[in-house]
């Protein structure tokens, strides 16, 4: 049975390093969006943040894939199986296999997004 405390922890976003700690302590604070009164300005700023977070997510996934591929590299004496990688990353083994292959593709020269 899944641990509800662990599931709740996974659903919460990682702290954003560039937000002041006082702002993070306020659960209503989110990049100062709560202070915007003009709905058009709020929509524009929220859209900018959404696009930035999507790009950050895509880039982070690419780094996960590269790390998974490196950990699974058969040339490493301490290589991990996809089962081990799945356990560490809290993925299914099938997803870990796909991430290892994606990472290998990236390492073969397709490069990371933005490079």
C-alpha atoms as a PDB file:
ATOM      1  CA  UNK A   1       0.000   0.000   0.000  1.00  0.00           C
ATOM      2  CA  UNK A   2       1.443   3.420  -0.944  1.00  0.00           C
ATOM      3  CA  UNK A   3       2.595   5.638   1.890  1.00  0.00           C
ATOM      4  CA  UNK A   4       0.204   8.662   1.853  1.00  0.00           C
ATOM      5  CA  UNK A   5       2.818  10.913   3.437  1.00  0.00           C
ATOM      6  CA  UNK A   6       5.301  10.064   0.689  1.00  0.00           C
ATOM      7  CA  UNK A   7       2.682  10.639  -2.047  1.00  0.00           C
ATOM      8  CA  UNK A   8       1.821  14.021  -0.592  1.00  0.00           C
ATOM      9  CA  UNK A   9       5.507  14.935  -0.487  1.00  0.00           C
ATOM     10  CA  UNK A  10       5.932  14.063  -4.164  1.00  0.00           C
ATOM     11  CA  UNK A  11       3.004  16.227  -5.270  1.00  0.00           C
ATOM     12  CA  UNK A  12       4.437  19.369  -3.719  1.00  0.00           C
ATOM     13  CA  UNK A  13       6.754  21.353  -6.004  1.00  0.00           C
ATOM     14  CA  UNK A  14      10.386  21.772  -5.132  1.00  0.00           C
ATOM     15  CA  UNK A  15      11.191  25.100  -3.510  1.00  0.00           C
ATOM     16  CA  UNK A  16      12.121  27.702  -6.077  1.00  0.00           C
ATOM     17  CA  UNK A  17      15.554  29.029  -5.331  1.00  0.00           C
ATOM     18  CA  UNK A  18      14.925  32.573  -6.473  1.00  0.00           C
ATOM     19  CA  UNK A  19      11.880  33.269  -4.297  1.00  0.00           C
ATOM     20  CA  UNK A  20      12.663  34.947  -0.957  1.00  0.00           C
ATOM     21  CA  UNK A  21      12.180  32.584   1.974  1.00  0.00           C
ATOM     22  CA  UNK A  22       9.636  34.960   3.565  1.00  0.00           C
ATOM     23  CA  UNK A  23       7.474  34.711   0.432  1.00  0.00           C
ATOM     24  CA  UNK A  24       7.715  30.913   0.353  1.00  0.00           C
ATOM     25  CA  UNK A  25       6.509  30.824   3.965  1.00  0.00           C
ATOM     26  CA  UNK A  26       3.269  32.520   2.861  1.00  0.00           C
ATOM     27  CA  UNK A  27       1.135  29.823   1.173  1.00  0.00           C
ATOM     28  CA  UNK A  28      -0.799  32.470  -0.774  1.00  0.00           C
ATOM     29  CA  UNK A  29       2.353  33.946  -2.318  1.00  0.00           C
ATOM     30  CA  UNK A  30       3.281  32.805  -5.773  1.00  0.00           C
ATOM     31  CA  UNK A  31       5.674  34.985  -7.752  1.00  0.00           C
ATOM     32  CA  UNK A  32       3.738  38.039  -6.637  1.00  0.00           C
ATOM     33  CA  UNK A  33       0.752  37.037  -8.808  1.00  0.00           C
ATOM     34  CA  UNK A  34      -1.580  37.537  -5.843  1.00  0.00           C
ATOM     35  CA  UNK A  35      -0.755  41.252  -5.877  1.00  0.00           C
ATOM     36  CA  UNK A  36      -1.890  41.815  -9.482  1.00  0.00           C
ATOM     37  CA  UNK A  37      -5.320  43.424  -9.746  1.00  0.00           C
ATOM     38  CA  UNK A  38      -5.584  43.733 -13.519  1.00  0.00           C
ATOM     39  CA  UNK A  39      -6.868  40.409 -14.931  1.00  0.00           C
ATOM     40  CA  UNK A  40      -5.164  41.005 -18.281  1.00  0.00           C
ATOM     41  CA  UNK A  41      -1.829  41.545 -16.561  1.00  0.00           C
ATOM     42  CA  UNK A  42      -2.454  38.514 -14.318  1.00  0.00           C
ATOM     43  CA  UNK A  43      -3.207  36.330 -17.341  1.00  0.00           C
ATOM     44  CA  UNK A  44      -0.086  37.544 -19.166  1.00  0.00           C
ATOM     45  CA  UNK A  45       2.216  37.007 -16.182  1.00  0.00           C
ATOM     46  CA  UNK A  46       0.687  33.633 -15.261  1.00  0.00           C
ATOM     47  CA  UNK A  47       1.082  32.525 -18.885  1.00  0.00           C
ATOM     48  CA  UNK A  48       4.742  33.581 -18.863  1.00  0.00           C
ATOM     49  CA  UNK A  49       5.302  31.535 -15.722  1.00  0.00           C
ATOM     50  CA  UNK A  50       3.491  28.529 -17.180  1.00  0.00           C
ATOM     51  CA  UNK A  51       5.686  28.576 -20.273  1.00  0.00           C
ATOM     52  CA  UNK A  52       8.831  29.008 -18.180  1.00  0.00           C
ATOM     53  CA  UNK A  53       7.890  26.081 -15.927  1.00  0.00           C
ATOM     54  CA  UNK A  54       7.127  23.872 -18.933  1.00  0.00           C
ATOM     55  CA  UNK A  55      10.532  24.672 -20.421  1.00  0.00           C
ATOM     56  CA  UNK A  56      12.202  24.011 -17.066  1.00  0.00           C
ATOM     57  CA  UNK A  57      10.357  20.706 -16.751  1.00  0.00           C
ATOM     58  CA  UNK A  58      11.419  19.609 -20.230  1.00  0.00           C
ATOM     59  CA  UNK A  59      15.026  20.454 -19.480  1.00  0.00           C
ATOM     60  CA  UNK A  60      14.964  18.689 -16.113  1.00  0.00           C
ATOM     61  CA  UNK A  61      13.512  15.555 -17.744  1.00  0.00           C
ATOM     62  CA  UNK A  62      16.352  15.588 -20.266  1.00  0.00           C
ATOM     63  CA  UNK A  63      18.880  15.743 -17.443  1.00  0.00           C
ATOM     64  CA  UNK A  64      17.081  12.872 -15.701  1.00  0.00           C
ATOM     65  CA  UNK A  65      17.329  10.828 -18.895  1.00  0.00           C
ATOM     66  CA  UNK A  66      21.037  11.567 -19.324  1.00  0.00           C
ATOM     67  CA  UNK A  67      21.702  10.620 -15.703  1.00  0.00           C
ATOM     68  CA  UNK A  68      19.707   7.388 -16.109  1.00  0.00           C
ATOM     69  CA  UNK A  69      21.638   6.506 -19.256  1.00  0.00           C
ATOM     70  CA  UNK A  70      24.946   7.194 -17.548  1.00  0.00           C
ATOM     71  CA  UNK A  71      23.980   5.083 -14.525  1.00  0.00           C
ATOM     72  CA  UNK A  72      22.942   2.202 -16.815  1.00  0.00           C
ATOM     73  CA  UNK A  73      26.084   2.398 -18.973  1.00  0.00           C
ATOM     74  CA  UNK A  74      27.416  -1.169 -19.285  1.00  0.00           C
ATOM     75  CA  UNK A  75      30.986   0.204 -19.280  1.00  0.00           C
ATOM     76  CA  UNK A  76      30.576   1.341 -15.672  1.00  0.00           C
ATOM     77  CA  UNK A  77      31.753  -1.128 -13.068  1.00  0.00           C
ATOM     78  CA  UNK A  78      29.024   0.174 -10.757  1.00  0.00           C
ATOM     79  CA  UNK A  79      26.281   0.337 -13.370  1.00  0.00           C
ATOM     80  CA  UNK A  80      22.678   0.101 -12.228  1.00  0.00           C
ATOM     81  CA  UNK A  81      19.908  -2.008 -13.668  1.00  0.00           C
ATOM     82  CA  UNK A  82      16.763  -0.310 -14.913  1.00  0.00           C
ATOM     83  CA  UNK A  83      15.058  -1.815 -11.863  1.00  0.00           C
ATOM     84  CA  UNK A  84      17.561  -0.031  -9.593  1.00  0.00           C
ATOM     85  CA  UNK A  85      17.152   3.236 -11.497  1.00  0.00           C
ATOM     86  CA  UNK A  86      13.360   2.937 -11.352  1.00  0.00           C
ATOM     87  CA  UNK A  87      13.491   2.417  -7.603  1.00  0.00           C
ATOM     88  CA  UNK A  88      15.781   5.426  -7.060  1.00  0.00           C
ATOM     89  CA  UNK A  89      13.752   7.754  -9.272  1.00  0.00           C
ATOM     90  CA  UNK A  90      10.382   6.356  -8.162  1.00  0.00           C
ATOM     91  CA  UNK A  91       9.522   5.356 -11.729  1.00  0.00           C
ATOM     92  CA  UNK A  92       8.149   2.153 -13.166  1.00  0.00           C
ATOM     93  CA  UNK A  93      10.782  -0.124 -14.651  1.00  0.00           C
ATOM     94  CA  UNK A  94       9.272   0.359 -18.118  1.00  0.00           C
ATOM     95  CA  UNK A  95       9.555   4.142 -17.776  1.00  0.00           C
ATOM     96  CA  UNK A  96      13.157   3.768 -16.549  1.00  0.00           C
ATOM     97  CA  UNK A  97      13.996   1.739 -19.688  1.00  0.00           C
ATOM     98  CA  UNK A  98      12.485   4.471 -21.875  1.00  0.00           C
ATOM     99  CA  UNK A  99      14.377   7.180 -19.994  1.00  0.00           C
ATOM    100  CA  UNK A 100      17.657   5.278 -20.345  1.00  0.00           C
ATOM    101  CA  UNK A 101      17.100   4.998 -24.097  1.00  0.00           C
ATOM    102  CA  UNK A 102      16.112   8.672 -24.343  1.00  0.00           C
ATOM    103  CA  UNK A 103      19.239   9.594 -22.412  1.00  0.00           C
ATOM    104  CA  UNK A 104      21.379   7.479 -24.724  1.00  0.00           C
ATOM    105  CA  UNK A 105      19.871   9.299 -27.698  1.00  0.00           C
ATOM    106  CA  UNK A 106      20.708  12.619 -26.084  1.00  0.00           C
ATOM    107  CA  UNK A 107      24.258  11.505 -25.306  1.00  0.00           C
ATOM    108  CA  UNK A 108      24.748  10.293 -28.894  1.00  0.00           C
ATOM    109  CA  UNK A 109      24.605  13.833 -30.066  1.00  0.00           C
ATOM    110  CA  UNK A 110      21.089  15.140 -30.121  1.00  0.00           C
ATOM    111  CA  UNK A 111      22.096  17.301 -27.140  1.00  0.00           C
ATOM    112  CA  UNK A 112      19.978  18.842 -24.443  1.00  0.00           C
ATOM    113  CA  UNK A 113      17.312  21.420 -25.258  1.00  0.00           C
ATOM    114  CA  UNK A 114      18.716  24.876 -25.544  1.00  0.00           C
ATOM    115  CA  UNK A 115      22.242  23.744 -26.397  1.00  0.00           C
END
